[in-house]
Protein backbone atom coordinates (compact mmCIF):
# COMPACT_ATOMS: atom_id res chain seq x y z
CA MET A 1 -32.64 42.27 -105.92
CA ARG A 2 -31.57 44.58 -102.98
CA GLY A 3 -29.74 43.23 -99.89
CA VAL A 4 -26.49 42.18 -98.26
CA PHE A 5 -24.42 38.97 -97.76
CA VAL A 6 -23.46 39.02 -94.19
CA THR A 7 -20.04 37.66 -93.21
CA GLY A 8 -17.98 37.75 -89.83
CA THR A 9 -14.34 38.21 -88.90
CA ASP A 10 -14.62 35.34 -86.76
CA THR A 11 -17.40 32.97 -85.25
CA GLY A 12 -19.19 34.33 -82.47
CA VAL A 13 -18.97 37.94 -83.52
CA GLY A 14 -22.67 38.83 -83.57
CA LYS A 15 -23.57 38.08 -87.27
CA THR A 16 -26.91 36.59 -86.41
CA PHE A 17 -27.81 39.37 -83.84
CA ILE A 18 -27.09 42.12 -86.43
CA SER A 19 -28.54 40.21 -89.30
CA CYS A 20 -31.93 39.95 -87.34
CA GLU A 21 -31.91 43.55 -86.40
CA LEU A 22 -31.40 44.41 -90.04
CA VAL A 23 -34.41 42.17 -91.05
CA ARG A 24 -36.67 43.58 -88.35
CA ARG A 25 -35.69 47.18 -89.29
CA ALA A 26 -36.49 46.54 -93.03
CA ARG A 27 -39.85 44.74 -92.15
CA ALA A 28 -40.70 47.90 -90.04
CA ALA A 29 -39.98 49.98 -93.28
CA GLY A 30 -42.46 47.92 -95.15
CA HIS A 31 -40.19 45.53 -96.89
CA ARG A 32 -40.83 41.82 -97.32
CA VAL A 33 -37.47 40.15 -96.44
CA PHE A 34 -36.07 36.83 -97.42
CA ALA A 35 -33.50 36.02 -94.63
CA PHE A 36 -31.46 32.98 -95.23
CA LYS A 37 -28.65 31.11 -93.74
CA PRO A 38 -27.83 28.25 -96.15
CA ILE A 39 -25.49 26.59 -93.86
CA GLU A 40 -25.59 26.10 -90.16
CA THR A 41 -23.50 23.75 -88.10
CA GLY A 42 -23.66 22.60 -84.47
CA VAL A 43 -27.43 21.87 -85.16
CA THR A 44 -28.83 19.25 -82.74
CA GLY A 45 -32.62 19.58 -83.68
CA GLN A 46 -34.62 20.02 -86.79
CA TRP A 47 -33.29 23.54 -87.41
CA GLY A 48 -30.33 25.71 -86.11
CA GLU A 49 -30.70 28.35 -83.67
CA ASP A 50 -29.63 31.07 -86.18
CA GLN A 51 -31.87 29.88 -88.74
CA LEU A 52 -34.95 29.85 -86.39
CA ALA A 53 -33.81 33.43 -85.14
CA LEU A 54 -33.71 34.75 -88.73
CA ALA A 55 -37.17 33.12 -89.43
CA LYS A 56 -38.78 34.83 -86.34
CA ALA A 57 -37.09 38.11 -87.43
CA SER A 58 -38.41 37.95 -91.01
CA GLY A 59 -41.98 36.50 -90.00
CA SER A 60 -41.52 33.29 -92.12
CA VAL A 61 -40.68 29.74 -91.86
CA PRO A 62 -36.97 28.70 -91.37
CA ARG A 63 -34.78 28.48 -94.39
CA GLY A 64 -31.55 26.71 -94.82
CA THR A 65 -30.20 24.08 -97.12
CA TYR A 66 -27.76 22.39 -94.76
CA ARG A 67 -28.13 21.63 -91.28
CA LEU A 68 -25.06 19.79 -89.90
CA PRO A 69 -24.60 18.37 -86.25
CA LEU A 70 -20.75 19.02 -85.73
CA PRO A 71 -19.96 22.57 -84.70
CA ALA A 72 -17.11 22.94 -87.18
CA ALA A 73 -16.23 24.64 -90.52
CA PRO A 74 -19.02 23.72 -93.11
CA LEU A 75 -16.74 21.36 -94.95
CA VAL A 76 -15.19 19.60 -91.86
CA ALA A 77 -19.03 19.31 -90.55
CA ALA A 78 -20.15 17.94 -93.92
CA ARG A 79 -17.55 15.29 -93.93
CA ALA A 80 -18.45 14.15 -90.49
CA ALA A 81 -21.95 13.79 -91.43
CA GLY A 82 -21.01 11.74 -94.53
CA THR A 83 -22.29 14.51 -96.92
CA GLU A 84 -21.06 16.94 -99.49
CA ILE A 85 -22.35 20.41 -99.81
CA ASP A 86 -23.57 21.51 -103.17
CA LEU A 87 -23.35 25.19 -103.87
CA GLY A 88 -25.90 24.69 -106.82
CA ARG A 89 -28.51 23.40 -104.58
CA ILE A 90 -28.07 26.57 -102.37
CA GLU A 91 -28.56 28.71 -105.35
CA ILE A 92 -31.78 27.12 -106.35
CA GLU A 93 -33.28 27.57 -102.95
CA LEU A 94 -32.02 31.31 -102.87
CA LEU A 95 -33.68 31.87 -106.19
CA SER A 96 -37.09 30.42 -105.02
CA GLY A 97 -36.89 32.42 -101.68
CA VAL A 98 -36.32 35.73 -103.22
CA GLU A 99 -39.44 35.68 -105.37
CA GLY A 100 -41.54 38.26 -104.09
CA ALA A 101 -39.10 39.80 -101.60
CA THR A 102 -38.01 43.54 -101.69
CA ARG A 103 -35.02 42.80 -99.51
CA VAL A 104 -32.50 39.77 -99.23
CA LEU A 105 -30.23 38.86 -96.34
CA ILE A 106 -27.97 35.83 -96.48
CA GLU A 107 -25.89 34.99 -93.48
CA ALA A 108 -22.79 32.97 -94.06
CA ALA A 109 -21.50 30.45 -91.49
CA GLY A 110 -18.22 31.71 -89.82
CA GLY A 111 -15.60 33.99 -91.45
CA TRP A 112 -14.60 35.00 -95.02
CA ARG A 113 -12.22 32.02 -95.65
CA VAL A 114 -14.10 29.28 -93.90
CA PRO A 115 -14.04 26.36 -96.37
CA ILE A 116 -17.52 25.15 -97.62
CA THR A 117 -16.48 22.48 -100.39
CA GLU A 118 -13.23 21.17 -101.42
CA GLN A 119 -13.06 23.79 -104.08
CA HIS A 120 -14.86 26.76 -102.51
CA GLY A 121 -15.12 28.62 -99.32
CA THR A 122 -17.54 31.69 -98.30
CA SER A 123 -16.34 33.95 -101.21
CA GLU A 124 -17.79 31.90 -103.87
CA LEU A 125 -21.13 31.64 -102.17
CA ALA A 126 -21.19 35.32 -101.88
CA ARG A 127 -20.38 35.64 -105.41
CA ARG A 128 -23.18 33.34 -106.67
CA SER A 129 -25.70 35.36 -104.48
CA GLY A 130 -24.72 38.51 -106.46
CA LEU A 131 -25.02 40.65 -103.28
CA PRO A 132 -22.55 43.23 -101.55
CA VAL A 133 -20.75 41.94 -98.29
CA LEU A 134 -21.44 43.47 -94.90
CA ILE A 135 -18.81 42.67 -92.42
CA VAL A 136 -19.65 42.09 -88.88
CA ALA A 137 -16.85 42.47 -86.49
CA ARG A 138 -16.01 42.76 -82.63
CA ALA A 139 -15.75 46.28 -81.54
CA GLY A 140 -13.17 45.81 -78.92
CA LEU A 141 -9.39 44.66 -78.86
CA GLY A 142 -8.12 42.83 -81.91
CA THR A 143 -10.94 44.10 -84.20
CA ILE A 144 -8.68 46.37 -86.24
CA ASN A 145 -6.60 43.66 -87.44
CA HIS A 146 -9.42 41.19 -88.18
CA THR A 147 -11.52 43.65 -89.94
CA LEU A 148 -8.82 44.91 -92.28
CA LEU A 149 -7.75 41.21 -93.23
CA THR A 150 -11.44 40.45 -94.02
CA TYR A 151 -11.84 43.58 -95.95
CA GLU A 152 -8.93 43.01 -97.98
CA ALA A 153 -9.73 39.36 -98.77
CA ILE A 154 -13.24 40.46 -99.95
CA VAL A 155 -11.92 43.16 -102.17
CA ARG A 156 -9.11 40.78 -103.39
CA ASP A 157 -11.74 38.27 -104.26
CA GLY A 158 -13.59 40.86 -106.58
CA LEU A 159 -16.59 41.57 -104.34
CA ARG A 160 -17.93 44.86 -103.09
CA VAL A 161 -18.07 45.61 -99.34
CA ALA A 162 -21.42 47.23 -98.40
CA GLY A 163 -20.26 48.20 -95.10
CA ILE A 164 -18.73 47.23 -91.88
CA VAL A 165 -20.70 46.84 -88.53
CA LEU A 166 -18.72 46.69 -84.97
CA SER A 167 -20.90 44.58 -82.67
CA LEU A 168 -20.55 46.47 -79.42
CA ARG A 169 -21.76 44.61 -76.61
CA PRO A 170 -23.22 45.55 -73.21
CA GLY A 171 -20.56 46.64 -70.83
CA GLU A 172 -17.99 47.25 -73.73
CA ASP A 173 -16.28 50.67 -73.89
CA ALA A 174 -18.06 52.68 -76.67
CA ASP A 175 -15.10 55.30 -76.76
CA PHE A 176 -12.62 52.53 -77.63
CA ALA A 177 -15.13 51.07 -80.12
CA ARG A 178 -15.26 54.60 -81.88
CA THR A 179 -11.47 54.77 -81.76
CA ASN A 180 -11.39 51.34 -83.64
CA ALA A 181 -13.80 52.50 -86.12
CA GLU A 182 -11.92 55.57 -87.05
CA MET A 183 -8.73 53.47 -87.41
CA ILE A 184 -10.48 50.92 -89.82
CA ALA A 185 -12.08 53.87 -91.67
CA SER A 186 -8.60 55.60 -92.19
CA ALA A 187 -6.98 52.18 -93.34
CA CYS A 188 -9.62 51.06 -95.82
CA GLY A 189 -12.00 54.12 -96.56
CA VAL A 190 -15.19 52.36 -95.17
CA LYS A 191 -16.53 53.82 -91.88
CA PRO A 192 -17.89 51.21 -89.55
CA ALA A 193 -21.33 51.51 -87.94
CA PRO A 194 -21.22 50.70 -84.18
CA TYR A 195 -24.32 48.91 -83.29
CA PRO A 196 -27.25 50.45 -83.12
CA GLU A 197 -26.19 52.69 -85.84
CA LEU A 198 -26.83 50.13 -88.54
CA PRO A 199 -26.90 50.55 -92.35
CA GLU A 200 -29.93 50.15 -94.15
CA LEU A 201 -30.73 46.78 -95.72
């Protein structure tokens, strides 16, 4: 099974935008992609906005195990909804979804240390997926610190970093982003790819 587990340095850094772009490019290359956001919080309808976006990008039905109303960390949102998140249930849906897929993309909720259950956070979900981790980070001020802390945490947890993407938004300084990318690469040895120069899924 080839693919990536996408995490961010924070919420709102562009994970879903980058994830959808990776999925579209993989489909354009002829792959059948299973795109899966198992947990989404802040959901007001039947499906979350991120889950719907991934479904549209992959040309499939929306997939997600948990859709929770409160816009908070998964553990907090689950408590507010009077439920508990079962990582085993997510694994089962993942295994059923990857059947026939040539590429897999799983998008996490929030950042690497976000709590999902009383015992586990995003790192355990990534570990169970068996996929290398793609870090999505802001391109501007503050990203060096946030990206390196996330990178170090992933490596400390024994998982492999597939790459780093700096989510450069319209109007942001591309030269500043390149300088940030060089500083991050110098510190951890992984050269971030500024959007739209994305790695292959």
